[in-house]
Amino acid sequence: MGNNTINDVERWYSLVEISEHLGVSKDTIRAWIKKDTIPYHKVGRQYKFRVSEVDAWVESGQSADADKNNTEE
C-alpha cells in the first residue's frame, strides 16, 4: 500500500503549452511534428507532450537540427 505514484505521474502538455515552454511558436512545433523530430504522442486528434521527453530532446542537441533541411541523406 502506501503507494504515492499518482502524485508522481507527469501530466500531458498541449501543443500551446509546449510551445510556451520552449519559447517557440505553435507553427514551429507543428513543423517539428511533421518532420517527426520532437517527441510527441497523438491522443485522438490532439498532440500531447511530456515535458521530460521534450527537455531530454532539447538537451540531447537533436532540436538544433530540427529546423534544418536534411538534404544530405
PDB file of N, CA and C in Angstrom:
ATOM      1  N   MET A   1       0.856  -1.189   0.000  1.00  0.00           N
ATOM      2  CA  MET A   1       0.000   0.000   0.000  1.00  0.00           C
ATOM      3  C   MET A   1       0.894   1.242   0.000  1.00  0.00           C
ATOM      4  N   GLY A   2       0.550   2.270   0.637  1.00  0.00           N
ATOM      5  CA  GLY A   2       1.412   3.448   0.738  1.00  0.00           C
ATOM      6  C   GLY A   2       2.074   3.850  -0.568  1.00  0.00           C
ATOM      7  N   ASN A   3       1.377   3.638  -1.686  1.00  0.00           N
ATOM      8  CA  ASN A   3       1.967   3.902  -2.997  1.00  0.00           C
ATOM      9  C   ASN A   3       1.526   5.277  -3.486  1.00  0.00           C
ATOM     10  N   ASN A   4       2.464   6.220  -3.569  1.00  0.00           N
ATOM     11  CA  ASN A   4       2.129   7.596  -3.939  1.00  0.00           C
ATOM     12  C   ASN A   4       2.404   7.894  -5.406  1.00  0.00           C
ATOM     13  N   THR A   5       2.394   6.882  -6.259  1.00  0.00           N
ATOM     14  CA  THR A   5       2.766   7.109  -7.658  1.00  0.00           C
ATOM     15  C   THR A   5       1.811   8.056  -8.366  1.00  0.00           C
ATOM     16  N   ILE A   6       0.583   8.157  -7.903  1.00  0.00           N
ATOM     17  CA  ILE A   6      -0.365   9.053  -8.585  1.00  0.00           C
ATOM     18  C   ILE A   6       0.158  10.490  -8.564  1.00  0.00           C
ATOM     19  N   ASN A   7       0.871  10.858  -7.513  1.00  0.00           N
ATOM     20  CA  ASN A   7       1.420  12.210  -7.420  1.00  0.00           C
ATOM     21  C   ASN A   7       2.655  12.371  -8.306  1.00  0.00           C
ATOM     22  N   ASP A   8       3.263  11.264  -8.692  1.00  0.00           N
ATOM     23  CA  ASP A   8       4.484  11.308  -9.496  1.00  0.00           C
ATOM     24  C   ASP A   8       4.198  11.253 -10.994  1.00  0.00           C
ATOM     25  N   VAL A   9       2.951  11.046 -11.359  1.00  0.00           N
ATOM     26  CA  VAL A   9       2.612  10.925 -12.776  1.00  0.00           C
ATOM     27  C   VAL A   9       2.751  12.296 -13.436  1.00  0.00           C
ATOM     28  N   GLU A  10       3.523  12.312 -14.509  1.00  0.00           N
ATOM     29  CA  GLU A  10       3.744  13.564 -15.230  1.00  0.00           C
ATOM     30  C   GLU A  10       2.527  13.869 -16.094  1.00  0.00           C
ATOM     31  N   ARG A  11       2.046  15.090 -16.017  1.00  0.00           N
ATOM     32  CA  ARG A  11       0.863  15.417 -16.807  1.00  0.00           C
ATOM     33  C   ARG A  11       1.251  15.690 -18.255  1.00  0.00           C
ATOM     34  N   TRP A  12       0.273  15.548 -19.115  1.00  0.00           N
ATOM     35  CA  TRP A  12       0.471  15.808 -20.536  1.00  0.00           C
ATOM     36  C   TRP A  12       0.362  17.297 -20.806  1.00  0.00           C
ATOM     37  N   TYR A  13       1.201  17.801 -21.664  1.00  0.00           N
ATOM     38  CA  TYR A  13       1.160  19.207 -22.086  1.00  0.00           C
ATOM     39  C   TYR A  13       0.532  19.292 -23.466  1.00  0.00           C
ATOM     40  N   SER A  14      -0.228  20.350 -23.685  1.00  0.00           N
ATOM     41  CA  SER A  14      -0.817  20.583 -25.002  1.00  0.00           C
ATOM     42  C   SER A  14       0.217  21.227 -25.918  1.00  0.00           C
ATOM     43  N   LEU A  15      -0.131  21.333 -27.185  1.00  0.00           N
ATOM     44  CA  LEU A  15       0.756  21.978 -28.150  1.00  0.00           C
ATOM     45  C   LEU A  15       1.039  23.429 -27.744  1.00  0.00           C
ATOM     46  N   VAL A  16       0.001  24.121 -27.290  1.00  0.00           N
ATOM     47  CA  VAL A  16       0.178  25.518 -26.864  1.00  0.00           C
ATOM     48  C   VAL A  16       1.130  25.587 -25.678  1.00  0.00           C
ATOM     49  N   GLU A  17       0.927  24.704 -24.698  1.00  0.00           N
ATOM     50  CA  GLU A  17       1.769  24.728 -23.500  1.00  0.00           C
ATOM     51  C   GLU A  17       3.220  24.394 -23.819  1.00  0.00           C
ATOM     52  N   ILE A  18       3.443  23.425 -24.717  1.00  0.00           N
ATOM     53  CA  ILE A  18       4.821  23.042 -25.023  1.00  0.00           C
ATOM     54  C   ILE A  18       5.495  24.135 -25.846  1.00  0.00           C
ATOM     55  N   SER A  19       4.732  24.844 -26.680  1.00  0.00           N
ATOM     56  CA  SER A  19       5.333  25.951 -27.438  1.00  0.00           C
ATOM     57  C   SER A  19       5.742  27.070 -26.477  1.00  0.00           C
ATOM     58  N   GLU A  20       4.910  27.324 -25.457  1.00  0.00           N
ATOM     59  CA  GLU A  20       5.262  28.329 -24.459  1.00  0.00           C
ATOM     60  C   GLU A  20       6.456  27.874 -23.624  1.00  0.00           C
ATOM     61  N   HIS A  21       6.491  26.599 -23.287  1.00  0.00           N
ATOM     62  CA  HIS A  21       7.595  26.036 -22.503  1.00  0.00           C
ATOM     63  C   HIS A  21       8.925  26.223 -23.235  1.00  0.00           C
ATOM     64  N   LEU A  22       8.909  25.993 -24.548  1.00  0.00           N
ATOM     65  CA  LEU A  22      10.141  26.099 -25.335  1.00  0.00           C
ATOM     66  C   LEU A  22      10.389  27.511 -25.860  1.00  0.00           C
ATOM     67  N   GLY A  23       9.370  28.352 -25.788  1.00  0.00           N
ATOM     68  CA  GLY A  23       9.528  29.716 -26.298  1.00  0.00           C
ATOM     69  C   GLY A  23       9.564  29.784 -27.814  1.00  0.00           C
ATOM     70  N   VAL A  24       8.831  28.896 -28.448  1.00  0.00           N
ATOM     71  CA  VAL A  24       8.734  28.915 -29.917  1.00  0.00           C
ATOM     72  C   VAL A  24       7.265  28.983 -30.292  1.00  0.00           C
ATOM     73  N   SER A  25       6.989  29.256 -31.555  1.00  0.00           N
ATOM     74  CA  SER A  25       5.599  29.386 -31.991  1.00  0.00           C
ATOM     75  C   SER A  25       4.936  28.021 -32.138  1.00  0.00           C
ATOM     76  N   LYS A  26       3.609  28.033 -32.142  1.00  0.00           N
ATOM     77  CA  LYS A  26       2.855  26.797 -32.365  1.00  0.00           C
ATOM     78  C   LYS A  26       3.161  26.240 -33.755  1.00  0.00           C
ATOM     79  N   ASP A  27       3.363  27.134 -34.721  1.00  0.00           N
ATOM     80  CA  ASP A  27       3.692  26.684 -36.084  1.00  0.00           C
ATOM     81  C   ASP A  27       5.023  25.942 -36.106  1.00  0.00           C
ATOM     82  N   THR A  28       5.976  26.396 -35.292  1.00  0.00           N
ATOM     83  CA  THR A  28       7.271  25.710 -35.209  1.00  0.00           C
ATOM     84  C   THR A  28       7.080  24.307 -34.667  1.00  0.00           C
ATOM     85  N   ILE A  29       6.275  24.176 -33.612  1.00  0.00           N
ATOM     86  CA  ILE A  29       6.003  22.851 -33.047  1.00  0.00           C
ATOM     87  C   ILE A  29       5.341  21.964 -34.097  1.00  0.00           C
ATOM     88  N   ARG A  30       4.361  22.516 -34.829  1.00  0.00           N
ATOM     89  CA  ARG A  30       3.681  21.725 -35.869  1.00  0.00           C
ATOM     90  C   ARG A  30       4.666  21.278 -36.951  1.00  0.00           C
ATOM     91  N   ALA A  31       5.598  22.150 -37.314  1.00  0.00           N
ATOM     92  CA  ALA A  31       6.600  21.789 -38.322  1.00  0.00           C
ATOM     93  C   ALA A  31       7.481  20.658 -37.810  1.00  0.00           C
ATOM     94  N   TRP A  32       7.849  20.716 -36.524  1.00  0.00           N
ATOM     95  CA  TRP A  32       8.672  19.649 -35.941  1.00  0.00           C
ATOM     96  C   TRP A  32       7.906  18.338 -35.880  1.00  0.00           C
ATOM     97  N   ILE A  33       6.588  18.414 -35.618  1.00  0.00           N
ATOM     98  CA  ILE A  33       5.766  17.200 -35.613  1.00  0.00           C
ATOM     99  C   ILE A  33       5.765  16.580 -37.013  1.00  0.00           C
ATOM    100  N   LYS A  34       5.576  17.426 -38.026  1.00  0.00           N
ATOM    101  CA  LYS A  34       5.559  16.922 -39.417  1.00  0.00           C
ATOM    102  C   LYS A  34       6.866  16.244 -39.774  1.00  0.00           C
ATOM    103  N   LYS A  35       7.976  16.814 -39.292  1.00  0.00           N
ATOM    104  CA  LYS A  35       9.291  16.226 -39.560  1.00  0.00           C
ATOM    105  C   LYS A  35       9.588  15.056 -38.635  1.00  0.00           C
ATOM    106  N   ASP A  36       8.691  14.821 -37.660  1.00  0.00           N
ATOM    107  CA  ASP A  36       8.861  13.728 -36.706  1.00  0.00           C
ATOM    108  C   ASP A  36      10.146  13.890 -35.900  1.00  0.00           C
ATOM    109  N   THR A  37      10.459  15.121 -35.527  1.00  0.00           N
ATOM    110  CA  THR A  37      11.672  15.346 -34.759  1.00  0.00           C
ATOM    111  C   THR A  37      11.381  15.468 -33.268  1.00  0.00           C
ATOM    112  N   ILE A  38      10.380  16.239 -32.907  1.00  0.00           N
ATOM    113  CA  ILE A  38      10.052  16.443 -31.494  1.00  0.00           C
ATOM    114  C   ILE A  38       9.296  15.224 -30.970  1.00  0.00           C
ATOM    115  N   PRO A  39       9.592  14.783 -29.741  1.00  0.00           N
ATOM    116  CA  PRO A  39       8.848  13.640 -29.197  1.00  0.00           C
ATOM    117  C   PRO A  39       7.421  14.040 -28.843  1.00  0.00           C
ATOM    118  N   TYR A  40       6.444  13.384 -29.440  1.00  0.00           N
ATOM    119  CA  TYR A  40       5.041  13.709 -29.183  1.00  0.00           C
ATOM    120  C   TYR A  40       4.210  12.439 -29.176  1.00  0.00           C
ATOM    121  N   HIS A  41       3.005  12.560 -28.676  1.00  0.00           N
ATOM    122  CA  HIS A  41       2.047  11.459 -28.652  1.00  0.00           C
ATOM    123  C   HIS A  41       0.738  11.991 -29.190  1.00  0.00           C
ATOM    124  N   LYS A  42       0.071  11.212 -29.993  1.00  0.00           N
ATOM    125  CA  LYS A  42      -1.216  11.642 -30.538  1.00  0.00           C
ATOM    126  C   LYS A  42      -2.324  11.009 -29.714  1.00  0.00           C
ATOM    127  N   VAL A  43      -3.205  11.848 -29.201  1.00  0.00           N
ATOM    128  CA  VAL A  43      -4.348  11.391 -28.424  1.00  0.00           C
ATOM    129  C   VAL A  43      -5.581  11.863 -29.179  1.00  0.00           C
ATOM    130  N   GLY A  44      -6.233  10.932 -29.852  1.00  0.00           N
ATOM    131  CA  GLY A  44      -7.321  11.330 -30.735  1.00  0.00           C
ATOM    132  C   GLY A  44      -6.766  12.207 -31.839  1.00  0.00           C
ATOM    133  N   ARG A  45      -7.300  13.424 -31.958  1.00  0.00           N
ATOM    134  CA  ARG A  45      -6.796  14.345 -32.983  1.00  0.00           C
ATOM    135  C   ARG A  45      -5.872  15.390 -32.384  1.00  0.00           C
ATOM    136  N   GLN A  46      -5.545  15.239 -31.106  1.00  0.00           N
ATOM    137  CA  GLN A  46      -4.688  16.218 -30.447  1.00  0.00           C
ATOM    138  C   GLN A  46      -3.282  15.671 -30.257  1.00  0.00           C
ATOM    139  N   TYR A  47      -2.326  16.585 -30.233  1.00  0.00           N
ATOM    140  CA  TYR A  47      -0.949  16.228 -29.922  1.00  0.00           C
ATOM    141  C   TYR A  47      -0.692  16.545 -28.468  1.00  0.00           C
ATOM    142  N   LYS A  48      -0.056  15.606 -27.772  1.00  0.00           N
ATOM    143  CA  LYS A  48       0.283  15.787 -26.369  1.00  0.00           C
ATOM    144  C   LYS A  48       1.775  15.533 -26.185  1.00  0.00           C
ATOM    145  N   PHE A  49       2.333  16.189 -25.188  1.00  0.00           N
ATOM    146  CA  PHE A  49       3.773  16.147 -24.967  1.00  0.00           C
ATOM    147  C   PHE A  49       4.073  15.927 -23.497  1.00  0.00           C
ATOM    148  N   ARG A  50       5.167  15.241 -23.228  1.00  0.00           N
ATOM    149  CA  ARG A  50       5.684  15.139 -21.866  1.00  0.00           C
ATOM    150  C   ARG A  50       6.895  16.075 -21.784  1.00  0.00           C
ATOM    151  N   VAL A  51       6.877  16.959 -20.810  1.00  0.00           N
ATOM    152  CA  VAL A  51       7.956  17.936 -20.689  1.00  0.00           C
ATOM    153  C   VAL A  51       9.307  17.229 -20.530  1.00  0.00           C
ATOM    154  N   SER A  52       9.334  16.131 -19.781  1.00  0.00           N
ATOM    155  CA  SER A  52      10.607  15.426 -19.567  1.00  0.00           C
ATOM    156  C   SER A  52      11.188  14.926 -20.890  1.00  0.00           C
ATOM    157  N   GLU A  53      10.326  14.411 -21.777  1.00  0.00           N
ATOM    158  CA  GLU A  53      10.799  13.903 -23.070  1.00  0.00           C
ATOM    159  C   GLU A  53      11.284  15.055 -23.955  1.00  0.00           C
ATOM    160  N   VAL A  54      10.531  16.154 -23.954  1.00  0.00           N
ATOM    161  CA  VAL A  54      10.901  17.299 -24.792  1.00  0.00           C
ATOM    162  C   VAL A  54      12.197  17.933 -24.272  1.00  0.00           C
ATOM    163  N   ASP A  55      12.314  18.060 -22.953  1.00  0.00           N
ATOM    164  CA  ASP A  55      13.542  18.615 -22.381  1.00  0.00           C
ATOM    165  C   ASP A  55      14.746  17.738 -22.702  1.00  0.00           C
ATOM    166  N   ALA A  56      14.568  16.418 -22.617  1.00  0.00           N
ATOM    167  CA  ALA A  56      15.657  15.494 -22.946  1.00  0.00           C
ATOM    168  C   ALA A  56      16.045  15.625 -24.410  1.00  0.00           C
ATOM    169  N   TRP A  57      15.046  15.821 -25.274  1.00  0.00           N
ATOM    170  CA  TRP A  57      15.288  16.002 -26.710  1.00  0.00           C
ATOM    171  C   TRP A  57      16.102  17.272 -26.946  1.00  0.00           C
ATOM    172  N   VAL A  58      15.732  18.348 -26.255  1.00  0.00           N
ATOM    173  CA  VAL A  58      16.471  19.604 -26.389  1.00  0.00           C
ATOM    174  C   VAL A  58      17.905  19.425 -25.887  1.00  0.00           C
ATOM    175  N   GLU A  59      18.043  18.810 -24.701  1.00  0.00           N
ATOM    176  CA  GLU A  59      19.369  18.641 -24.101  1.00  0.00           C
ATOM    177  C   GLU A  59      20.259  17.719 -24.919  1.00  0.00           C
ATOM    178  N   SER A  60      19.665  16.811 -25.667  1.00  0.00           N
ATOM    179  CA  SER A  60      20.452  15.878 -26.489  1.00  0.00           C
ATOM    180  C   SER A  60      21.074  16.572 -27.690  1.00  0.00           C
ATOM    181  N   GLY A  61      20.578  17.781 -27.998  1.00  0.00           N
ATOM    182  CA  GLY A  61      21.092  18.504 -29.158  1.00  0.00           C
ATOM    183  C   GLY A  61      20.317  18.238 -30.431  1.00  0.00           C
ATOM    184  N   GLN A  62      19.351  17.320 -30.382  1.00  0.00           N
ATOM    185  CA  GLN A  62      18.592  16.994 -31.600  1.00  0.00           C
ATOM    186  C   GLN A  62      17.738  18.165 -32.068  1.00  0.00           C
ATOM    187  N   SER A  63      17.313  19.011 -31.119  1.00  0.00           N
ATOM    188  CA  SER A  63      16.463  20.137 -31.512  1.00  0.00           C
ATOM    189  C   SER A  63      17.224  21.139 -32.365  1.00  0.00           C
ATOM    190  N   ALA A  64      18.553  21.153 -32.236  1.00  0.00           N
ATOM    191  CA  ALA A  64      19.362  22.075 -33.030  1.00  0.00           C
ATOM    192  C   ALA A  64      19.257  21.767 -34.516  1.00  0.00           C
ATOM    193  N   ASP A  65      18.982  20.515 -34.837  1.00  0.00           N
ATOM    194  CA  ASP A  65      18.877  20.101 -36.238  1.00  0.00           C
ATOM    195  C   ASP A  65      17.445  20.126 -36.756  1.00  0.00           C
ATOM    196  N   ALA A  66      16.483  20.396 -35.880  1.00  0.00           N
ATOM    197  CA  ALA A  66      15.074  20.267 -36.256  1.00  0.00           C
ATOM    198  C   ALA A  66      14.666  21.247 -37.343  1.00  0.00           C
ATOM    199  N   ASP A  67      15.317  22.404 -37.411  1.00  0.00           N
ATOM    200  CA  ASP A  67      14.942  23.413 -38.399  1.00  0.00           C
ATOM    201  C   ASP A  67      15.712  23.274 -39.711  1.00  0.00           C
ATOM    202  N   LYS A  68      16.688  22.389 -39.727  1.00  0.00           N
ATOM    203  CA  LYS A  68      17.487  22.228 -40.944  1.00  0.00           C
ATOM    204  C   LYS A  68      16.782  21.284 -41.900  1.00  0.00           C
ATOM    205  N   ASN A  69      17.009  21.483 -43.168  1.00  0.00           N
ATOM    206  CA  ASN A  69      16.521  20.534 -44.167  1.00  0.00           C
ATOM    207  C   ASN A  69      17.583  19.466 -44.330  1.00  0.00           C
ATOM    208  N   ASN A  70      17.208  18.245 -44.020  1.00  0.00           N
ATOM    209  CA  ASN A  70      18.183  17.148 -44.095  1.00  0.00           C
ATOM    210  C   ASN A  70      18.280  16.656 -45.530  1.00  0.00           C
ATOM    211  N   THR A  71      19.007  17.409 -46.330  1.00  0.00           N
ATOM    212  CA  THR A  71      19.125  17.047 -47.757  1.00  0.00           C
ATOM    213  C   THR A  71      20.298  16.114 -48.005  1.00  0.00           C
ATOM    214  N   GLU A  72      21.199  15.992 -47.014  1.00  0.00           N
ATOM    215  CA  GLU A  72      22.376  15.170 -47.255  1.00  0.00           C
ATOM    216  C   GLU A  72      22.104  13.683 -47.120  1.00  0.00           C
ATOM    217  N   GLU A  73      20.889  13.319 -46.685  1.00  0.00           N
ATOM    218  CA  GLU A  73      20.591  11.888 -46.523  1.00  0.00           C
ATOM    219  C   GLU A  73      20.174  11.254 -47.823  1.00  0.00           C
TER     220      GLU A  73
END
